[in-house]
């Protein structure tokens, strides 16, 4: 795979996508993908902060049931 300027790579543990809300719904990869697409213009650090903040908001600040590991890379 050849990466081009503007590409974004996001590596995450299952604890991100499998975070559940009070209704038992998963945050999910589709919601994660949309969030990344919507916020693609920010820096990698800002994007990571946004993702973690949104996942926490989705879970309504419930205690962690799994680890949440996230790495965001943006190709220049």
C-alpha atoms as a PDB file:
ATOM      1  CA  UNK A   1       0.000   0.000   0.000  1.00  0.00           C
ATOM      2  CA  UNK A   2       1.302   3.418  -0.902  1.00  0.00           C
ATOM      3  CA  UNK A   3       0.193   6.266   1.333  1.00  0.00           C
ATOM      4  CA  UNK A   4      -0.419   9.700  -0.109  1.00  0.00           C
ATOM      5  CA  UNK A   5      -0.448  13.140   1.503  1.00  0.00           C
ATOM      6  CA  UNK A   6      -3.728  13.645   3.297  1.00  0.00           C
ATOM      7  CA  UNK A   7      -4.236   9.957   4.114  1.00  0.00           C
ATOM      8  CA  UNK A   8      -5.163   9.214   7.707  1.00  0.00           C
ATOM      9  CA  UNK A   9      -4.378   5.950   9.465  1.00  0.00           C
ATOM     10  CA  UNK A  10      -6.221   5.122  12.656  1.00  0.00           C
ATOM     11  CA  UNK A  11      -5.215   2.139  14.753  1.00  0.00           C
ATOM     12  CA  UNK A  12      -7.499   1.354  17.657  1.00  0.00           C
ATOM     13  CA  UNK A  13      -8.206  -1.402  20.117  1.00  0.00           C
ATOM     14  CA  UNK A  14     -11.597  -3.059  20.164  1.00  0.00           C
ATOM     15  CA  UNK A  15     -12.350  -1.038  23.293  1.00  0.00           C
ATOM     16  CA  UNK A  16     -13.068   1.993  21.091  1.00  0.00           C
ATOM     17  CA  UNK A  17     -15.593   0.430  18.704  1.00  0.00           C
ATOM     18  CA  UNK A  18     -17.071  -1.876  21.339  1.00  0.00           C
ATOM     19  CA  UNK A  19     -17.777   0.845  23.891  1.00  0.00           C
ATOM     20  CA  UNK A  20     -21.467   0.622  24.755  1.00  0.00           C
ATOM     21  CA  UNK A  21     -23.972   3.247  25.785  1.00  0.00           C
ATOM     22  CA  UNK A  22     -26.779   2.951  28.341  1.00  0.00           C
ATOM     23  CA  UNK A  23     -28.977   1.263  25.713  1.00  0.00           C
ATOM     24  CA  UNK A  24     -26.352  -1.406  25.065  1.00  0.00           C
ATOM     25  CA  UNK A  25     -25.470  -0.090  21.591  1.00  0.00           C
ATOM     26  CA  UNK A  26     -21.859  -0.181  20.376  1.00  0.00           C
ATOM     27  CA  UNK A  27     -20.028   2.982  19.357  1.00  0.00           C
ATOM     28  CA  UNK A  28     -19.096   0.934  16.290  1.00  0.00           C
ATOM     29  CA  UNK A  29     -16.696   1.276  13.400  1.00  0.00           C
ATOM     30  CA  UNK A  30     -19.229   3.074  11.176  1.00  0.00           C
ATOM     31  CA  UNK A  31     -19.643   5.864  13.755  1.00  0.00           C
ATOM     32  CA  UNK A  32     -15.848   5.998  14.193  1.00  0.00           C
ATOM     33  CA  UNK A  33     -15.316   6.240  10.441  1.00  0.00           C
ATOM     34  CA  UNK A  34     -17.884   9.047  10.090  1.00  0.00           C
ATOM     35  CA  UNK A  35     -16.302  10.970  12.953  1.00  0.00           C
ATOM     36  CA  UNK A  36     -12.874  10.693  11.305  1.00  0.00           C
ATOM     37  CA  UNK A  37     -14.277  11.772   7.932  1.00  0.00           C
ATOM     38  CA  UNK A  38     -16.105  14.730   9.503  1.00  0.00           C
ATOM     39  CA  UNK A  39     -13.044  15.919  11.454  1.00  0.00           C
ATOM     40  CA  UNK A  40     -10.279  15.024   8.958  1.00  0.00           C
ATOM     41  CA  UNK A  41      -8.996  18.600   8.745  1.00  0.00           C
ATOM     42  CA  UNK A  42      -7.686  18.766  12.332  1.00  0.00           C
ATOM     43  CA  UNK A  43      -4.247  17.582  13.435  1.00  0.00           C
ATOM     44  CA  UNK A  44      -3.646  13.939  14.345  1.00  0.00           C
ATOM     45  CA  UNK A  45      -3.430  14.843  18.055  1.00  0.00           C
ATOM     46  CA  UNK A  46      -6.659  16.828  17.891  1.00  0.00           C
ATOM     47  CA  UNK A  47      -8.392  13.998  16.035  1.00  0.00           C
ATOM     48  CA  UNK A  48      -7.310  11.499  18.692  1.00  0.00           C
ATOM     49  CA  UNK A  49      -8.644  13.810  21.425  1.00  0.00           C
ATOM     50  CA  UNK A  50     -11.948  14.229  19.567  1.00  0.00           C
ATOM     51  CA  UNK A  51     -12.384  10.475  19.118  1.00  0.00           C
ATOM     52  CA  UNK A  52     -11.662   9.719  22.773  1.00  0.00           C
ATOM     53  CA  UNK A  53     -13.951  12.536  23.911  1.00  0.00           C
ATOM     54  CA  UNK A  54     -16.798  11.339  21.640  1.00  0.00           C
ATOM     55  CA  UNK A  55     -16.418   7.743  22.804  1.00  0.00           C
ATOM     56  CA  UNK A  56     -16.521   8.891  26.430  1.00  0.00           C
ATOM     57  CA  UNK A  57     -19.588  11.065  25.730  1.00  0.00           C
ATOM     58  CA  UNK A  58     -21.284   8.130  23.956  1.00  0.00           C
ATOM     59  CA  UNK A  59     -20.665   5.921  27.001  1.00  0.00           C
ATOM     60  CA  UNK A  60     -22.049   8.689  29.233  1.00  0.00           C
ATOM     61  CA  UNK A  61     -18.809   8.583  31.229  1.00  0.00           C
ATOM     62  CA  UNK A  62     -19.498   5.001  32.372  1.00  0.00           C
ATOM     63  CA  UNK A  63     -16.528   3.126  33.832  1.00  0.00           C
ATOM     64  CA  UNK A  64     -14.266   1.478  31.258  1.00  0.00           C
ATOM     65  CA  UNK A  65     -15.157  -2.121  30.462  1.00  0.00           C
ATOM     66  CA  UNK A  66     -12.130  -2.548  28.162  1.00  0.00           C
ATOM     67  CA  UNK A  67      -8.967  -0.656  27.283  1.00  0.00           C
ATOM     68  CA  UNK A  68      -9.174   2.199  24.793  1.00  0.00           C
ATOM     69  CA  UNK A  69      -6.021   2.396  22.743  1.00  0.00           C
ATOM     70  CA  UNK A  70      -5.823   4.822  19.825  1.00  0.00           C
ATOM     71  CA  UNK A  71      -3.096   5.892  17.401  1.00  0.00           C
ATOM     72  CA  UNK A  72      -3.790   8.478  14.683  1.00  0.00           C
ATOM     73  CA  UNK A  73      -1.305   9.151  11.868  1.00  0.00           C
ATOM     74  CA  UNK A  74      -1.689  11.734   9.117  1.00  0.00           C
ATOM     75  CA  UNK A  75       0.494  11.561   6.023  1.00  0.00           C
ATOM     76  CA  UNK A  76       2.047  14.879   4.974  1.00  0.00           C
END
